[in-house]
Amino acid sequence: MAVLYHIQHLINIIVDWLYRPFKRFVPKETFKYAVCGGANTAFDIFLYFITYNFILQKKIINLKLIAISPHIASFLLVFPITFSTGFLLSKYITFTSSTLRGKTQLLRYGFTVLVCIFLNYILLKLFVEGFGWYPTPSKIATTCLVVIYSYFSQRHFTFKTQQAV
């Protein structure tokens, strides 16, 4: 456990140092959310690239009953890893003042992530097929909306704090 404490402490030192120029413009919790979320997203893309290109070597995975395309198989292999790192960063770096039990936080985090996956799908379908937008601007708009939803749901639901009465 001492190693995990030192990792948490090191991450907090780095984030606090990065935060100094933004102190007047962004609340610290929001900044931590952006840094941790951005780092976890970069980690996700890196793992996906390695898994798709080098582990699966762009080949279809044949499981007898079902064949899984390499891009979906890569997502399925990487998702549990970055789900875990995202939860740990949120719990121990960003939203540290939550009064909820860890098990409750984990279940709520999982629910929120599922909603985010669903929102990504629905919004992309709406923007591309419904509104006729190009896919890349649609993905940008979708990401912005989902990140805003994710921040507020994590802050006020997954890692909520006890309100003073």
Protein backbone atom coordinates (compact mmCIF):
# COMPACT_ATOMS: atom_id res chain seq x y z
CA MET A 1 0.00 0.00 0.00
CA ALA A 2 2.94 2.32 0.59
CA VAL A 3 3.80 2.17 -3.12
CA LEU A 4 0.26 3.22 -4.08
CA TYR A 5 0.39 6.09 -1.60
CA HIS A 6 3.68 7.28 -3.13
CA ILE A 7 2.21 7.06 -6.66
CA GLN A 8 -0.83 9.06 -5.53
CA HIS A 9 1.44 11.62 -3.86
CA LEU A 10 3.64 11.93 -6.99
CA ILE A 11 0.63 12.40 -9.27
CA ASN A 12 -0.73 15.08 -6.93
CA ILE A 13 2.63 16.91 -6.96
CA ILE A 14 2.70 16.87 -10.77
CA VAL A 15 -0.93 17.98 -11.11
CA ASP A 16 -0.46 20.74 -8.51
CA TRP A 17 2.60 22.00 -10.40
CA LEU A 18 0.71 21.96 -13.72
CA TYR A 19 -2.24 23.73 -12.10
CA ARG A 20 -0.36 26.90 -11.07
CA PRO A 21 -0.78 28.82 -14.37
CA PHE A 22 -4.51 27.92 -14.49
CA LYS A 23 -5.30 28.70 -10.85
CA ARG A 24 -7.16 31.95 -11.64
CA PHE A 25 -9.26 30.46 -14.44
CA VAL A 26 -10.25 26.92 -13.49
CA PRO A 27 -11.31 25.31 -10.20
CA LYS A 28 -8.73 22.77 -9.02
CA GLU A 29 -11.15 19.82 -9.11
CA THR A 30 -12.11 20.62 -12.71
CA PHE A 31 -8.44 20.89 -13.67
CA LYS A 32 -7.65 17.57 -12.00
CA TYR A 33 -10.57 15.98 -13.85
CA ALA A 34 -9.25 17.31 -17.17
CA VAL A 35 -5.66 16.18 -16.53
CA CYS A 36 -6.62 12.73 -15.23
CA GLY A 37 -9.22 12.21 -17.93
CA GLY A 38 -6.84 13.38 -20.64
CA ALA A 39 -4.05 11.14 -19.35
CA ASN A 40 -6.39 8.15 -19.15
CA THR A 41 -7.67 8.82 -22.67
CA ALA A 42 -4.10 9.00 -24.00
CA PHE A 43 -3.31 5.76 -22.15
CA ASP A 44 -6.42 4.16 -23.70
CA ILE A 45 -5.41 5.18 -27.22
CA PHE A 46 -1.84 3.95 -26.67
CA LEU A 47 -3.01 0.55 -25.37
CA TYR A 48 -5.54 0.27 -28.19
CA PHE A 49 -2.82 0.96 -30.78
CA ILE A 50 -0.47 -1.63 -29.26
CA THR A 51 -3.24 -4.23 -28.91
CA TYR A 52 -4.64 -3.71 -32.42
CA ASN A 53 -1.33 -3.55 -34.27
CA PHE A 54 1.03 -5.80 -32.32
CA ILE A 55 -0.93 -8.16 -30.05
CA LEU A 56 -3.83 -8.97 -32.37
CA GLN A 57 -1.84 -8.00 -35.49
CA LYS A 58 -5.03 -6.67 -37.14
CA LYS A 59 -6.46 -10.21 -37.36
CA ILE A 60 -10.01 -11.36 -36.72
CA ILE A 61 -10.42 -13.33 -33.48
CA ASN A 62 -12.34 -16.54 -34.18
CA LEU A 63 -13.97 -17.93 -31.02
CA LYS A 64 -15.80 -20.78 -32.79
CA LEU A 65 -19.26 -19.37 -31.93
CA ILE A 66 -18.44 -15.83 -32.97
CA ALA A 67 -15.77 -13.94 -34.87
CA ILE A 68 -14.66 -10.60 -33.44
CA SER A 69 -13.10 -7.94 -35.64
CA PRO A 70 -9.68 -6.74 -34.47
CA HIS A 71 -10.83 -3.19 -33.75
CA ILE A 72 -13.66 -4.42 -31.50
CA ALA A 73 -11.48 -7.08 -29.87
CA SER A 74 -8.89 -4.38 -29.11
CA PHE A 75 -11.57 -2.24 -27.50
CA LEU A 76 -12.80 -5.21 -25.44
CA LEU A 77 -9.28 -6.03 -24.23
CA VAL A 78 -8.30 -2.45 -23.38
CA PHE A 79 -11.59 -1.28 -21.84
CA PRO A 80 -11.24 -3.10 -18.47
CA ILE A 81 -7.74 -1.66 -18.02
CA THR A 82 -8.63 1.96 -18.72
CA PHE A 83 -11.94 1.62 -16.88
CA SER A 84 -9.90 0.67 -13.81
CA THR A 85 -7.30 3.41 -14.20
CA GLY A 86 -10.04 5.97 -14.83
CA PHE A 87 -11.86 4.95 -11.68
CA LEU A 88 -8.69 4.99 -9.57
CA LEU A 89 -7.64 8.41 -10.87
CA SER A 90 -11.12 9.80 -10.21
CA LYS A 91 -11.33 8.30 -6.73
CA TYR A 92 -7.82 9.02 -5.47
CA ILE A 93 -6.77 12.14 -7.39
CA THR A 94 -9.81 14.12 -8.57
CA PHE A 95 -12.78 13.50 -6.27
CA THR A 96 -11.01 12.73 -2.99
CA SER A 97 -13.60 14.30 -0.67
CA SER A 98 -16.41 11.89 -1.56
CA THR A 99 -18.13 10.37 1.45
CA LEU A 100 -19.51 7.34 -0.42
CA ARG A 101 -18.12 3.84 0.09
CA GLY A 102 -15.70 2.58 -2.57
CA LYS A 103 -18.06 -0.19 -3.70
CA THR A 104 -20.85 2.32 -4.25
CA GLN A 105 -18.49 4.61 -6.14
CA LEU A 106 -17.35 1.74 -8.38
CA LEU A 107 -20.92 0.68 -9.21
CA ARG A 108 -21.93 4.27 -9.94
CA TYR A 109 -18.79 4.81 -12.00
CA GLY A 110 -19.63 1.73 -14.08
CA PHE A 111 -23.17 2.97 -14.62
CA THR A 112 -21.94 6.41 -15.66
CA VAL A 113 -19.43 4.91 -18.11
CA LEU A 114 -22.19 2.79 -19.66
CA VAL A 115 -24.33 5.91 -20.09
CA CYS A 116 -21.35 7.67 -21.71
CA ILE A 117 -20.91 4.80 -24.19
CA PHE A 118 -24.64 4.95 -24.98
CA LEU A 119 -24.53 8.76 -25.37
CA ASN A 120 -21.56 8.47 -27.75
CA TYR A 121 -23.52 6.06 -29.91
CA ILE A 122 -26.78 8.02 -29.89
CA LEU A 123 -25.18 11.43 -30.48
CA LEU A 124 -22.98 10.17 -33.32
CA LYS A 125 -26.00 8.57 -34.99
CA LEU A 126 -28.00 11.78 -34.51
CA PHE A 127 -25.32 14.16 -35.77
CA VAL A 128 -24.12 12.07 -38.74
CA GLU A 129 -27.29 10.33 -39.87
CA GLY A 130 -29.93 12.69 -38.50
CA PHE A 131 -28.37 16.11 -39.08
CA GLY A 132 -26.09 15.08 -41.97
CA TRP A 133 -22.94 16.45 -40.32
CA TYR A 134 -19.51 15.17 -41.24
CA PRO A 135 -18.26 12.40 -38.91
CA THR A 136 -15.23 14.25 -37.49
CA PRO A 137 -17.11 17.40 -36.37
CA SER A 138 -19.83 15.08 -35.08
CA LYS A 139 -17.26 13.19 -32.99
CA ILE A 140 -15.85 16.46 -31.65
CA ALA A 141 -19.31 17.73 -30.66
CA THR A 142 -20.20 14.35 -29.17
CA THR A 143 -16.99 14.22 -27.14
CA CYS A 144 -17.56 17.74 -25.78
CA LEU A 145 -21.11 16.92 -24.69
CA VAL A 146 -20.19 13.54 -23.19
CA VAL A 147 -17.24 15.01 -21.26
CA ILE A 148 -19.52 17.68 -19.76
CA TYR A 149 -22.09 15.04 -18.81
CA SER A 150 -19.37 12.79 -17.40
CA TYR A 151 -17.84 15.52 -15.24
CA PHE A 152 -21.14 16.53 -13.65
CA SER A 153 -22.34 12.95 -13.18
CA GLN A 154 -19.02 11.95 -11.59
CA ARG A 155 -19.00 15.02 -9.37
CA HIS A 156 -22.63 14.95 -8.24
CA PHE A 157 -23.48 11.24 -8.46
CA THR A 158 -20.52 8.85 -8.53
CA PHE A 159 -18.26 10.71 -6.10
CA LYS A 160 -20.73 13.02 -4.40
CA THR A 161 -19.90 14.59 -1.07
CA GLN A 162 -22.06 15.03 1.99
CA GLN A 163 -23.90 18.34 1.89
CA ALA A 164 -23.81 20.47 5.00
CA VAL A 165 -27.26 20.95 6.56
